[in-house]
C-alpha cells in the first residue's frame, strides 16, 4: 500500500492519499509514481520515460456564459480553442482563473487532473474526454498534486467518474485541431 506523506497536500480539499484510498475502495487498480513537480507537458516529458501508458494534459476552460469545462486529452492531441468551441457547442472559450479552478475543482494550477472531479460535488464542471486517449491501454494523470502520477485504465477512469456522479462526454478532439 502506497502511503503518501506531504505537507503540500494538507491544504487540499481531497488529499492524494484520500483519492488513492477511494480508488482502492472502488477496486480500481493503479500504478503510482512520485517525481519532481512538473507544470507543463514539456517538463513532464522528462519524467515519463519510466511510466508506461498515454500521458495526458488537462485544460480547465470556461465559455463566455461562464460554463466550465475540464478537457482531458492525450499530450499528443492538438486542439485549437476556436475549433473546440464548435466541438463543444459553446461560446468563446478562455482558460479558467486559478481562483475559479480552486473554487470548483479544489486544485492549483499545474495539478489540474480528471480526479479533481471528486471536489466538484455540485457538478458545475462538464468533463470532456479525448476519444484517442480513451482508446489507450493505460492513461496517466496527476492525483491532485503535480509531484505524483497515477496510471490506470480508461475504463477504471470511467468507474471513478461514475462514483463522483459525473457523466463525461467522450469526443473526437482531432476535429478541434
N, C-alpha and C. Protein backbone atom coordinates (compact mmCIF):
# COMPACT_ATOMS: atom_id res chain seq x y z
N UNK A 1 0.84 -1.18 0.00
CA UNK A 1 0.00 0.00 0.00
C UNK A 1 0.89 1.24 0.00
N UNK A 2 0.62 2.15 -0.92
CA UNK A 2 1.38 3.38 -1.01
C UNK A 2 0.89 4.36 0.05
N UNK A 3 1.79 4.87 0.83
CA UNK A 3 1.47 5.86 1.84
C UNK A 3 2.17 7.15 1.43
N UNK A 4 1.43 8.21 1.28
CA UNK A 4 1.99 9.48 0.85
C UNK A 4 2.10 10.41 2.04
N UNK A 5 3.26 11.01 2.18
CA UNK A 5 3.45 12.00 3.23
C UNK A 5 3.91 13.28 2.56
N UNK A 6 3.11 14.32 2.65
CA UNK A 6 3.45 15.58 2.02
C UNK A 6 2.74 16.72 2.71
N UNK A 7 3.45 17.80 2.96
CA UNK A 7 2.80 18.96 3.55
C UNK A 7 2.03 19.73 2.49
N UNK A 8 2.43 19.62 1.21
CA UNK A 8 1.76 20.36 0.14
C UNK A 8 0.32 19.91 -0.03
N UNK A 9 0.02 18.66 0.26
CA UNK A 9 -1.34 18.17 0.05
C UNK A 9 -2.26 18.46 1.22
N UNK A 10 -1.73 18.91 2.34
CA UNK A 10 -2.54 19.11 3.53
C UNK A 10 -3.66 20.12 3.34
N UNK A 11 -3.44 21.14 2.50
CA UNK A 11 -4.43 22.18 2.32
C UNK A 11 -5.47 21.84 1.26
N UNK A 12 -5.31 20.72 0.57
CA UNK A 12 -6.25 20.36 -0.49
C UNK A 12 -7.56 19.85 0.09
N UNK A 13 -8.69 20.12 -0.57
CA UNK A 13 -9.98 19.59 -0.10
C UNK A 13 -9.98 18.07 -0.03
N UNK A 14 -9.35 17.43 -1.00
CA UNK A 14 -9.16 15.98 -1.00
C UNK A 14 -7.68 15.74 -1.21
N UNK A 15 -7.06 15.02 -0.34
CA UNK A 15 -5.63 14.77 -0.47
C UNK A 15 -5.39 13.65 -1.49
N UNK A 16 -4.21 13.60 -2.07
CA UNK A 16 -3.88 12.47 -2.94
C UNK A 16 -4.06 11.13 -2.22
N UNK A 17 -3.71 11.09 -0.95
CA UNK A 17 -3.88 9.84 -0.19
C UNK A 17 -5.36 9.44 -0.12
N UNK A 18 -6.23 10.41 0.16
CA UNK A 18 -7.67 10.12 0.20
C UNK A 18 -8.19 9.69 -1.16
N UNK A 19 -7.67 10.32 -2.22
CA UNK A 19 -8.06 9.93 -3.58
C UNK A 19 -7.68 8.48 -3.83
N UNK A 20 -6.44 8.12 -3.52
CA UNK A 20 -5.99 6.75 -3.79
C UNK A 20 -6.72 5.74 -2.90
N UNK A 21 -7.08 6.13 -1.70
CA UNK A 21 -7.90 5.26 -0.86
C UNK A 21 -9.27 5.04 -1.52
N UNK A 22 -9.82 6.10 -2.11
CA UNK A 22 -11.10 5.99 -2.82
C UNK A 22 -10.96 5.05 -4.01
N UNK A 23 -9.88 5.20 -4.77
CA UNK A 23 -9.66 4.30 -5.92
C UNK A 23 -9.58 2.85 -5.45
N UNK A 24 -8.86 2.61 -4.37
CA UNK A 24 -8.76 1.23 -3.83
C UNK A 24 -10.13 0.73 -3.38
N UNK A 25 -10.90 1.59 -2.70
CA UNK A 25 -12.24 1.20 -2.25
C UNK A 25 -13.14 0.83 -3.42
N UNK A 26 -12.91 1.46 -4.57
CA UNK A 26 -13.69 1.17 -5.77
C UNK A 26 -13.17 -0.04 -6.53
N UNK A 27 -12.08 -0.64 -6.04
CA UNK A 27 -11.48 -1.79 -6.69
C UNK A 27 -10.71 -1.42 -7.95
N UNK A 28 -10.27 -0.17 -8.03
CA UNK A 28 -9.53 0.31 -9.19
C UNK A 28 -8.04 0.07 -8.97
N UNK A 29 -7.45 -0.66 -9.89
CA UNK A 29 -6.01 -0.94 -9.85
C UNK A 29 -5.29 0.24 -10.51
N UNK A 30 -4.21 0.68 -9.90
CA UNK A 30 -3.45 1.79 -10.47
C UNK A 30 -1.98 1.64 -10.12
N UNK A 31 -1.15 2.30 -10.92
CA UNK A 31 0.28 2.40 -10.66
C UNK A 31 0.54 3.80 -10.13
N UNK A 32 1.40 3.89 -9.14
CA UNK A 32 1.70 5.17 -8.50
C UNK A 32 3.17 5.53 -8.69
N UNK A 33 3.43 6.78 -9.05
CA UNK A 33 4.79 7.27 -9.25
C UNK A 33 4.95 8.62 -8.54
N UNK A 34 6.06 8.79 -7.86
CA UNK A 34 6.42 10.10 -7.30
C UNK A 34 7.55 10.67 -8.15
N UNK A 35 7.57 11.99 -8.29
CA UNK A 35 8.59 12.65 -9.10
C UNK A 35 8.64 14.12 -8.72
N UNK A 36 9.57 14.83 -9.33
CA UNK A 36 9.66 16.27 -9.10
C UNK A 36 8.40 16.94 -9.65
N UNK A 37 8.11 18.12 -9.15
CA UNK A 37 6.94 18.87 -9.63
C UNK A 37 7.11 19.20 -11.10
N UNK A 38 6.03 19.01 -11.87
CA UNK A 38 6.01 19.37 -13.28
C UNK A 38 4.79 20.26 -13.54
N UNK A 39 5.00 21.28 -14.36
CA UNK A 39 3.95 22.25 -14.62
C UNK A 39 3.53 22.32 -16.08
N UNK A 40 4.20 21.57 -16.95
CA UNK A 40 3.88 21.64 -18.38
C UNK A 40 4.13 20.28 -19.03
N UNK A 41 3.59 20.13 -20.23
CA UNK A 41 3.82 18.90 -20.99
C UNK A 41 5.31 18.74 -21.25
N UNK A 42 5.97 19.85 -21.56
CA UNK A 42 7.41 19.78 -21.83
C UNK A 42 8.18 19.26 -20.60
N UNK A 43 7.86 19.78 -19.43
CA UNK A 43 8.53 19.31 -18.21
C UNK A 43 8.21 17.85 -17.94
N UNK A 44 6.97 17.45 -18.18
CA UNK A 44 6.58 16.07 -17.88
C UNK A 44 7.24 15.08 -18.84
N UNK A 45 7.61 15.54 -20.03
CA UNK A 45 8.25 14.63 -20.98
C UNK A 45 9.58 14.10 -20.44
N UNK A 46 10.17 14.83 -19.52
CA UNK A 46 11.44 14.39 -18.93
C UNK A 46 11.25 13.25 -17.95
N UNK A 47 10.07 13.15 -17.35
CA UNK A 47 9.86 12.12 -16.32
C UNK A 47 9.09 10.91 -16.83
N UNK A 48 8.41 11.00 -17.96
CA UNK A 48 7.52 9.93 -18.39
C UNK A 48 8.24 8.70 -18.94
N UNK A 49 9.53 8.78 -19.11
CA UNK A 49 10.26 7.66 -19.68
C UNK A 49 10.10 6.38 -18.86
N UNK A 50 9.90 6.50 -17.57
CA UNK A 50 9.77 5.34 -16.69
C UNK A 50 8.32 4.93 -16.46
N UNK A 51 7.37 5.63 -17.09
CA UNK A 51 5.96 5.36 -16.86
C UNK A 51 5.29 4.91 -18.14
N UNK A 52 4.86 3.65 -18.21
CA UNK A 52 4.16 3.20 -19.41
C UNK A 52 2.77 3.85 -19.50
N UNK A 53 2.26 3.93 -20.70
CA UNK A 53 0.91 4.45 -20.90
C UNK A 53 0.91 5.80 -21.60
N UNK A 54 -0.30 6.28 -21.86
CA UNK A 54 -0.51 7.57 -22.51
C UNK A 54 -0.47 8.66 -21.47
N UNK A 55 0.37 9.63 -21.73
CA UNK A 55 0.47 10.77 -20.81
C UNK A 55 -0.47 11.86 -21.29
N UNK A 56 -1.12 12.49 -20.33
CA UNK A 56 -2.25 13.35 -20.66
C UNK A 56 -2.09 14.73 -20.05
N UNK A 57 -2.86 15.65 -20.63
CA UNK A 57 -2.91 17.01 -20.09
C UNK A 57 -4.36 17.39 -19.91
N UNK A 58 -4.57 18.48 -19.20
CA UNK A 58 -5.92 18.89 -18.83
C UNK A 58 -6.07 20.38 -19.03
N UNK A 59 -7.19 20.77 -19.60
CA UNK A 59 -7.48 22.18 -19.83
C UNK A 59 -8.74 22.55 -19.04
N UNK A 60 -8.59 23.49 -18.13
CA UNK A 60 -9.75 23.99 -17.39
C UNK A 60 -10.19 25.26 -18.10
N UNK A 61 -11.38 25.19 -18.71
CA UNK A 61 -11.86 26.26 -19.57
C UNK A 61 -13.23 26.74 -19.13
N UNK A 62 -13.55 27.95 -19.55
CA UNK A 62 -14.91 28.45 -19.36
C UNK A 62 -15.31 29.21 -20.61
N UNK A 63 -16.60 29.23 -20.87
CA UNK A 63 -17.05 29.98 -22.02
C UNK A 63 -17.58 31.33 -21.57
N UNK A 64 -18.03 32.13 -22.53
CA UNK A 64 -18.46 33.49 -22.20
C UNK A 64 -19.70 33.52 -21.30
N UNK A 65 -20.42 32.41 -21.25
CA UNK A 65 -21.59 32.32 -20.37
C UNK A 65 -21.22 31.73 -19.01
N UNK A 66 -19.90 31.58 -18.76
CA UNK A 66 -19.33 31.07 -17.51
C UNK A 66 -19.59 29.58 -17.29
N UNK A 67 -19.90 28.86 -18.37
CA UNK A 67 -20.00 27.41 -18.29
C UNK A 67 -18.57 26.87 -18.26
N UNK A 68 -18.29 25.94 -17.38
CA UNK A 68 -16.93 25.44 -17.20
C UNK A 68 -16.76 24.04 -17.77
N UNK A 69 -15.57 23.80 -18.28
CA UNK A 69 -15.21 22.52 -18.89
C UNK A 69 -13.85 22.07 -18.37
N UNK A 70 -13.72 20.78 -18.15
CA UNK A 70 -12.42 20.17 -17.93
C UNK A 70 -12.21 19.25 -19.12
N UNK A 71 -11.27 19.64 -19.98
CA UNK A 71 -10.97 18.86 -21.18
C UNK A 71 -9.71 18.05 -20.88
N UNK A 72 -9.85 16.73 -20.97
CA UNK A 72 -8.75 15.81 -20.65
C UNK A 72 -8.35 15.13 -21.95
N UNK A 73 -7.07 15.27 -22.33
CA UNK A 73 -6.63 14.77 -23.61
C UNK A 73 -5.20 14.27 -23.57
N UNK A 74 -4.89 13.42 -24.52
CA UNK A 74 -3.52 12.92 -24.65
C UNK A 74 -2.61 14.10 -24.97
N UNK A 75 -1.38 14.05 -24.46
CA UNK A 75 -0.43 15.14 -24.73
C UNK A 75 -0.29 15.40 -26.22
N UNK A 76 -0.39 14.37 -27.03
CA UNK A 76 -0.17 14.49 -28.47
C UNK A 76 -1.36 15.09 -29.20
N UNK A 77 -2.54 15.11 -28.59
CA UNK A 77 -3.73 15.63 -29.25
C UNK A 77 -3.67 17.15 -29.31
N UNK A 78 -3.68 17.67 -30.53
CA UNK A 78 -3.65 19.12 -30.74
C UNK A 78 -5.07 19.67 -30.70
N UNK A 79 -5.25 20.82 -30.07
CA UNK A 79 -6.55 21.49 -30.08
C UNK A 79 -6.36 22.98 -30.32
N UNK A 80 -7.36 23.54 -30.93
CA UNK A 80 -7.43 24.97 -31.17
C UNK A 80 -8.70 25.43 -30.44
N UNK A 81 -8.58 26.40 -29.56
CA UNK A 81 -9.73 26.80 -28.75
C UNK A 81 -10.91 27.25 -29.61
N UNK A 82 -10.64 27.92 -30.72
CA UNK A 82 -11.74 28.35 -31.60
C UNK A 82 -12.49 27.14 -32.15
N UNK A 83 -11.76 26.12 -32.58
CA UNK A 83 -12.39 24.91 -33.10
C UNK A 83 -13.08 24.13 -31.98
N UNK A 84 -12.47 24.16 -30.80
CA UNK A 84 -13.05 23.45 -29.66
C UNK A 84 -14.41 24.02 -29.30
N UNK A 85 -14.58 25.32 -29.49
CA UNK A 85 -15.88 25.95 -29.23
C UNK A 85 -16.97 25.29 -30.07
N UNK A 86 -16.64 24.99 -31.32
CA UNK A 86 -17.60 24.33 -32.22
C UNK A 86 -17.85 22.90 -31.75
N UNK A 87 -16.78 22.18 -31.42
CA UNK A 87 -16.91 20.79 -30.96
C UNK A 87 -17.78 20.71 -29.71
N UNK A 88 -17.58 21.65 -28.78
CA UNK A 88 -18.32 21.63 -27.51
C UNK A 88 -19.65 22.37 -27.60
N UNK A 89 -19.90 23.00 -28.73
CA UNK A 89 -21.14 23.76 -28.93
C UNK A 89 -21.34 24.77 -27.82
N UNK A 90 -20.31 25.61 -27.64
CA UNK A 90 -20.37 26.60 -26.58
C UNK A 90 -19.89 27.94 -27.11
N UNK A 91 -19.94 28.94 -26.24
CA UNK A 91 -19.47 30.27 -26.60
C UNK A 91 -17.95 30.35 -26.56
N UNK A 92 -17.43 31.55 -26.70
CA UNK A 92 -15.99 31.77 -26.74
C UNK A 92 -15.32 31.22 -25.49
N UNK A 93 -14.28 30.41 -25.69
CA UNK A 93 -13.58 29.76 -24.59
C UNK A 93 -12.35 30.55 -24.16
N UNK A 94 -12.10 30.50 -22.87
CA UNK A 94 -10.86 31.03 -22.30
C UNK A 94 -10.48 30.13 -21.14
N UNK A 95 -9.25 30.28 -20.70
CA UNK A 95 -8.80 29.47 -19.57
C UNK A 95 -9.41 30.00 -18.28
N UNK A 96 -9.83 29.08 -17.42
CA UNK A 96 -10.38 29.46 -16.12
C UNK A 96 -9.28 29.98 -15.22
N UNK A 97 -9.62 30.91 -14.36
CA UNK A 97 -8.64 31.51 -13.45
C UNK A 97 -8.23 30.52 -12.36
N UNK A 98 -7.12 30.82 -11.72
CA UNK A 98 -6.65 30.00 -10.60
C UNK A 98 -7.68 29.98 -9.48
N UNK A 99 -8.33 31.12 -9.24
CA UNK A 99 -9.36 31.17 -8.19
C UNK A 99 -10.54 30.29 -8.53
N UNK A 100 -10.99 30.33 -9.77
CA UNK A 100 -12.12 29.51 -10.21
C UNK A 100 -11.74 28.03 -10.15
N UNK A 101 -10.51 27.72 -10.58
CA UNK A 101 -10.01 26.35 -10.53
C UNK A 101 -10.05 25.82 -9.10
N UNK A 102 -9.60 26.62 -8.16
CA UNK A 102 -9.60 26.22 -6.75
C UNK A 102 -11.03 26.07 -6.23
N UNK A 103 -11.88 27.04 -6.57
CA UNK A 103 -13.26 27.02 -6.07
C UNK A 103 -14.04 25.80 -6.54
N UNK A 104 -13.89 25.43 -7.82
CA UNK A 104 -14.72 24.36 -8.37
C UNK A 104 -14.06 22.99 -8.38
N UNK A 105 -12.73 22.94 -8.53
CA UNK A 105 -12.07 21.64 -8.61
C UNK A 105 -11.10 21.37 -7.46
N UNK A 106 -10.84 22.38 -6.64
CA UNK A 106 -10.02 22.16 -5.44
C UNK A 106 -8.57 21.80 -5.73
N UNK A 107 -8.03 22.28 -6.85
CA UNK A 107 -6.62 22.07 -7.17
C UNK A 107 -6.01 23.39 -7.61
N UNK A 108 -4.68 23.39 -7.62
CA UNK A 108 -3.94 24.58 -8.02
C UNK A 108 -3.42 24.40 -9.45
N UNK A 109 -3.10 25.50 -10.13
CA UNK A 109 -2.53 25.38 -11.47
C UNK A 109 -1.32 24.45 -11.45
N UNK A 110 -1.22 23.64 -12.48
CA UNK A 110 -0.16 22.65 -12.57
C UNK A 110 -0.59 21.29 -12.06
N UNK A 111 -1.68 21.24 -11.32
CA UNK A 111 -2.18 19.98 -10.77
C UNK A 111 -3.57 19.63 -11.28
N UNK A 112 -4.03 20.31 -12.31
CA UNK A 112 -5.35 20.02 -12.88
C UNK A 112 -5.35 18.59 -13.40
N UNK A 113 -6.40 17.86 -13.08
CA UNK A 113 -6.48 16.46 -13.47
C UNK A 113 -7.93 16.01 -13.42
N UNK A 114 -8.25 14.89 -14.06
CA UNK A 114 -9.64 14.41 -14.03
C UNK A 114 -10.10 14.02 -12.63
N UNK A 115 -9.16 13.63 -11.78
CA UNK A 115 -9.53 13.23 -10.42
C UNK A 115 -10.07 14.40 -9.59
N UNK A 116 -9.84 15.63 -10.04
CA UNK A 116 -10.37 16.80 -9.34
C UNK A 116 -11.89 16.82 -9.35
N UNK A 117 -12.51 15.99 -10.19
CA UNK A 117 -13.97 15.88 -10.19
C UNK A 117 -14.50 15.46 -8.83
N UNK A 118 -13.66 14.83 -8.03
CA UNK A 118 -14.08 14.41 -6.68
C UNK A 118 -14.45 15.62 -5.83
N UNK A 119 -13.89 16.78 -6.17
CA UNK A 119 -14.19 18.01 -5.41
C UNK A 119 -15.33 18.81 -6.02
N UNK A 120 -15.80 18.44 -7.19
CA UNK A 120 -16.89 19.14 -7.88
C UNK A 120 -18.22 18.50 -7.48
N UNK A 121 -18.58 18.64 -6.24
CA UNK A 121 -19.77 17.96 -5.71
C UNK A 121 -21.08 18.54 -6.27
N UNK A 122 -21.03 19.77 -6.78
CA UNK A 122 -22.22 20.38 -7.38
C UNK A 122 -22.32 20.10 -8.88
N UNK A 123 -21.33 19.37 -9.43
CA UNK A 123 -21.30 19.03 -10.86
C UNK A 123 -21.38 20.28 -11.73
N UNK A 124 -20.59 21.27 -11.37
CA UNK A 124 -20.55 22.54 -12.09
C UNK A 124 -19.66 22.50 -13.32
N UNK A 125 -18.78 21.51 -13.40
CA UNK A 125 -17.81 21.43 -14.48
C UNK A 125 -18.16 20.25 -15.38
N UNK A 126 -18.28 20.53 -16.68
CA UNK A 126 -18.54 19.47 -17.65
C UNK A 126 -17.21 18.84 -18.05
N UNK A 127 -17.14 17.53 -18.03
CA UNK A 127 -15.91 16.82 -18.31
C UNK A 127 -15.95 16.26 -19.73
N UNK A 128 -14.90 16.60 -20.48
CA UNK A 128 -14.76 16.16 -21.87
C UNK A 128 -13.50 15.30 -21.96
N UNK A 129 -13.64 14.10 -22.49
CA UNK A 129 -12.52 13.17 -22.62
C UNK A 129 -12.19 12.94 -24.09
N UNK A 130 -10.92 13.00 -24.40
CA UNK A 130 -10.40 12.78 -25.74
C UNK A 130 -10.61 11.31 -26.13
N UNK A 131 -11.28 11.07 -27.26
CA UNK A 131 -11.56 9.70 -27.71
C UNK A 131 -10.27 8.92 -27.94
N UNK A 132 -9.26 9.54 -28.52
CA UNK A 132 -7.98 8.85 -28.73
C UNK A 132 -7.38 8.42 -27.39
N UNK A 133 -7.40 9.30 -26.42
CA UNK A 133 -6.88 8.98 -25.09
C UNK A 133 -7.64 7.79 -24.50
N UNK A 134 -8.93 7.78 -24.67
CA UNK A 134 -9.76 6.74 -24.08
C UNK A 134 -9.60 5.39 -24.78
N UNK A 135 -8.93 5.37 -25.92
CA UNK A 135 -8.67 4.09 -26.59
C UNK A 135 -7.31 3.51 -26.18
N UNK A 136 -6.58 4.20 -25.35
CA UNK A 136 -5.27 3.72 -24.88
C UNK A 136 -5.44 2.59 -23.87
N UNK A 137 -4.39 1.81 -23.67
CA UNK A 137 -4.41 0.75 -22.66
C UNK A 137 -4.32 1.32 -21.26
N UNK A 138 -3.43 2.30 -21.07
CA UNK A 138 -3.23 2.97 -19.78
C UNK A 138 -3.18 4.47 -20.00
N UNK A 139 -3.70 5.23 -19.04
CA UNK A 139 -3.63 6.69 -19.07
C UNK A 139 -3.03 7.18 -17.76
N UNK A 140 -2.30 8.28 -17.83
CA UNK A 140 -1.57 8.80 -16.67
C UNK A 140 -1.99 10.23 -16.36
N UNK A 141 -2.25 10.47 -15.07
CA UNK A 141 -2.65 11.80 -14.59
C UNK A 141 -2.03 12.06 -13.22
N UNK A 142 -1.94 13.34 -12.88
CA UNK A 142 -1.56 13.69 -11.52
C UNK A 142 -2.74 13.35 -10.60
N UNK A 143 -2.46 12.83 -9.41
CA UNK A 143 -3.55 12.58 -8.45
C UNK A 143 -3.73 13.79 -7.53
N UNK A 144 -4.15 14.92 -8.11
CA UNK A 144 -4.45 16.17 -7.41
C UNK A 144 -3.22 16.98 -7.02
N UNK A 145 -2.04 16.47 -7.27
CA UNK A 145 -0.80 17.16 -6.93
C UNK A 145 0.24 16.80 -7.99
N UNK A 146 0.97 17.80 -8.48
CA UNK A 146 1.84 17.58 -9.63
C UNK A 146 3.22 17.01 -9.29
N UNK A 147 3.36 16.42 -8.14
CA UNK A 147 4.60 15.72 -7.78
C UNK A 147 4.39 14.21 -7.81
N UNK A 148 3.27 13.79 -8.39
CA UNK A 148 2.91 12.38 -8.45
C UNK A 148 2.16 12.13 -9.75
N UNK A 149 2.16 10.87 -10.16
CA UNK A 149 1.37 10.45 -11.31
C UNK A 149 0.74 9.11 -10.99
N UNK A 150 -0.48 8.94 -11.46
CA UNK A 150 -1.20 7.68 -11.31
C UNK A 150 -1.54 7.18 -12.70
N UNK A 151 -1.27 5.91 -12.97
CA UNK A 151 -1.64 5.28 -14.22
C UNK A 151 -2.74 4.27 -13.99
N UNK A 152 -3.76 4.30 -14.84
CA UNK A 152 -4.89 3.37 -14.73
C UNK A 152 -5.50 3.17 -16.11
N UNK A 153 -6.45 2.27 -16.22
CA UNK A 153 -7.10 2.03 -17.50
C UNK A 153 -8.21 3.07 -17.72
N UNK A 154 -8.51 3.38 -18.98
CA UNK A 154 -9.62 4.29 -19.24
C UNK A 154 -10.94 3.80 -18.65
N UNK A 155 -11.18 2.51 -18.66
CA UNK A 155 -12.43 2.01 -18.09
C UNK A 155 -12.49 2.26 -16.58
N UNK A 156 -11.34 2.17 -15.91
CA UNK A 156 -11.31 2.50 -14.48
C UNK A 156 -11.50 3.99 -14.24
N UNK A 157 -11.01 4.82 -15.15
CA UNK A 157 -11.26 6.26 -15.05
C UNK A 157 -12.77 6.52 -15.11
N UNK A 158 -13.45 5.83 -16.02
CA UNK A 158 -14.91 6.00 -16.12
C UNK A 158 -15.62 5.51 -14.86
N UNK A 159 -15.10 4.45 -14.25
CA UNK A 159 -15.68 3.98 -12.98
C UNK A 159 -15.51 5.04 -11.90
N UNK A 160 -14.37 5.70 -11.90
CA UNK A 160 -14.16 6.79 -10.94
C UNK A 160 -15.19 7.90 -11.16
N UNK A 161 -15.40 8.29 -12.43
CA UNK A 161 -16.38 9.34 -12.71
C UNK A 161 -17.78 8.92 -12.29
N UNK A 162 -18.13 7.66 -12.49
CA UNK A 162 -19.44 7.18 -12.05
C UNK A 162 -19.58 7.36 -10.54
N UNK A 163 -18.50 7.10 -9.82
CA UNK A 163 -18.51 7.28 -8.36
C UNK A 163 -18.76 8.74 -7.98
N UNK A 164 -18.19 9.67 -8.75
CA UNK A 164 -18.36 11.10 -8.42
C UNK A 164 -19.69 11.64 -8.93
N UNK A 165 -20.39 10.86 -9.74
CA UNK A 165 -21.67 11.32 -10.28
C UNK A 165 -21.52 12.13 -11.56
N UNK A 166 -20.33 12.16 -12.13
CA UNK A 166 -20.11 12.88 -13.38
C UNK A 166 -20.34 11.94 -14.57
N UNK A 167 -20.85 12.50 -15.64
CA UNK A 167 -21.06 11.75 -16.89
C UNK A 167 -20.24 12.43 -17.97
N UNK A 168 -18.96 12.08 -18.07
CA UNK A 168 -18.12 12.74 -19.06
C UNK A 168 -18.56 12.41 -20.48
N UNK A 169 -18.27 13.35 -21.38
CA UNK A 169 -18.54 13.15 -22.80
C UNK A 169 -17.22 12.78 -23.46
N UNK A 170 -17.23 11.71 -24.23
CA UNK A 170 -16.05 11.31 -24.98
C UNK A 170 -16.20 11.88 -26.38
N UNK A 171 -15.23 12.72 -26.77
CA UNK A 171 -15.30 13.43 -28.05
C UNK A 171 -14.04 13.20 -28.86
N UNK A 172 -14.19 13.18 -30.17
CA UNK A 172 -13.05 13.14 -31.06
C UNK A 172 -12.51 14.55 -31.13
N UNK A 173 -11.43 14.81 -30.43
CA UNK A 173 -10.89 16.16 -30.35
C UNK A 173 -9.96 16.49 -31.52
N UNK A 174 -9.66 15.50 -32.36
CA UNK A 174 -8.81 15.77 -33.53
C UNK A 174 -9.48 16.80 -34.43
N UNK A 175 -10.80 16.82 -34.45
CA UNK A 175 -11.51 17.78 -35.28
C UNK A 175 -11.36 19.21 -34.75
N UNK A 176 -10.82 19.34 -33.54
CA UNK A 176 -10.62 20.65 -32.92
C UNK A 176 -9.19 21.17 -33.11
N UNK A 177 -8.43 20.50 -33.96
CA UNK A 177 -7.03 20.91 -34.16
C UNK A 177 -6.94 22.16 -35.01
